[in-house]
Amino acid sequence: PRLKKTSRLIGRSTAECLSSGLYFGAAAQTAGLIDKLKTELRAAHAEKKIYVLATGGDAQLLARAVHFDAIDPDAVLKGIASLAAINP
């Protein structure tokens, strides 16, 4: 099942609670990983600006709850196509 944005954190049915938990859990997990990665990259490599690109089918949906610098749902596929083109 795909993620879907829910309007409330606490649902009124089992289905609403599961949907809300999946959406807000994925958003919190993504935001937490981004923060940790930024912290580590800054410490290890003195990076000042870290660009966050969201990819995949749920990128637009998660962008409602998580800050991304850019969104390209097809970035990975474009990258694979570029590699295939230079490595026939």
Protein backbone atom coordinates (compact mmCIF):
# COMPACT_ATOMS: atom_id res chain seq x y z
CA PRO A 1 0.00 0.00 0.00
CA ARG A 2 1.13 3.52 -0.77
CA LEU A 3 1.50 6.24 1.82
CA LYS A 4 -1.31 8.72 1.99
CA LYS A 5 -1.47 12.03 3.81
CA THR A 6 -3.87 12.06 6.71
CA SER A 7 -5.29 15.19 8.26
CA ARG A 8 -4.95 14.03 11.85
CA LEU A 9 -2.39 12.14 13.85
CA ILE A 10 -4.90 10.25 15.96
CA GLY A 11 -7.37 8.37 13.81
CA ARG A 12 -10.93 7.44 14.63
CA SER A 13 -10.72 3.90 13.27
CA THR A 14 -8.10 1.19 12.98
CA ALA A 15 -7.59 2.00 9.30
CA GLU A 16 -7.14 5.73 10.02
CA CYS A 17 -4.71 4.99 12.86
CA LEU A 18 -2.62 2.68 10.68
CA SER A 19 -2.58 5.15 7.79
CA SER A 20 -1.66 8.04 10.08
CA GLY A 21 1.06 6.05 11.81
CA LEU A 22 2.61 5.03 8.51
CA TYR A 23 2.56 8.57 7.10
CA PHE A 24 3.74 10.49 10.14
CA GLY A 25 6.21 7.73 11.05
CA ALA A 26 7.79 7.82 7.59
CA ALA A 27 7.94 11.63 7.71
CA ALA A 28 9.57 11.66 11.16
CA GLN A 29 12.02 8.93 10.17
CA THR A 30 12.99 10.79 6.99
CA ALA A 31 13.43 14.12 8.78
CA GLY A 32 15.49 12.46 11.52
CA LEU A 33 17.79 10.73 9.03
CA ILE A 34 18.30 13.97 7.11
CA ASP A 35 19.25 15.81 10.32
CA LYS A 36 21.69 13.09 11.36
CA LEU A 37 23.28 12.91 7.91
CA LYS A 38 23.69 16.70 7.79
CA THR A 39 25.31 16.70 11.23
CA GLU A 40 27.73 13.94 10.27
CA LEU A 41 28.62 15.50 6.91
CA ARG A 42 29.25 18.87 8.53
CA ALA A 43 31.50 17.32 11.17
CA ALA A 44 33.43 15.00 8.88
CA HIS A 45 33.75 17.18 5.80
CA ALA A 46 33.06 20.74 6.95
CA GLU A 47 30.15 20.95 4.53
CA LYS A 48 28.33 24.27 4.80
CA LYS A 49 25.39 23.67 2.46
CA ILE A 50 23.97 20.19 2.13
CA TYR A 51 21.49 19.78 -0.69
CA VAL A 52 18.63 17.34 -0.03
CA LEU A 53 17.00 15.79 -3.09
CA ALA A 54 13.88 13.70 -2.55
CA THR A 55 13.34 10.89 -5.03
CA GLY A 56 10.77 8.19 -5.55
CA GLY A 57 7.04 7.93 -5.82
CA ASP A 58 6.28 9.26 -2.35
CA ALA A 59 8.63 12.27 -2.52
CA GLN A 60 5.85 14.80 -3.20
CA LEU A 61 3.71 13.39 -0.42
CA LEU A 62 6.50 13.46 2.18
CA ALA A 63 7.42 17.00 1.12
CA ARG A 64 4.26 18.16 2.87
CA ALA A 65 5.87 17.22 6.19
CA VAL A 66 9.63 17.20 5.50
CA HIS A 67 11.79 19.98 4.00
CA PHE A 68 13.62 19.01 0.79
CA ASP A 69 15.69 21.35 -1.35
CA ALA A 70 14.36 19.70 -4.50
CA ILE A 71 12.10 16.85 -5.56
CA ASP A 72 12.58 14.61 -8.57
CA PRO A 73 10.59 11.39 -8.36
CA ASP A 74 12.57 9.96 -11.30
CA ALA A 75 16.12 10.99 -10.31
CA VAL A 76 17.34 7.44 -9.71
CA LEU A 77 15.94 6.20 -13.02
CA LYS A 78 17.49 9.18 -14.82
CA GLY A 79 20.83 8.37 -13.23
CA ILE A 80 20.64 4.74 -14.30
CA ALA A 81 19.73 5.82 -17.84
CA SER A 82 22.72 8.20 -17.91
CA LEU A 83 25.07 5.45 -16.77
CA ALA A 84 23.66 3.03 -19.32
CA ALA A 85 24.16 5.60 -22.08
CA ILE A 86 27.89 6.02 -21.32
CA ASN A 87 28.48 2.31 -20.69
CA PRO A 88 26.85 0.52 -23.63
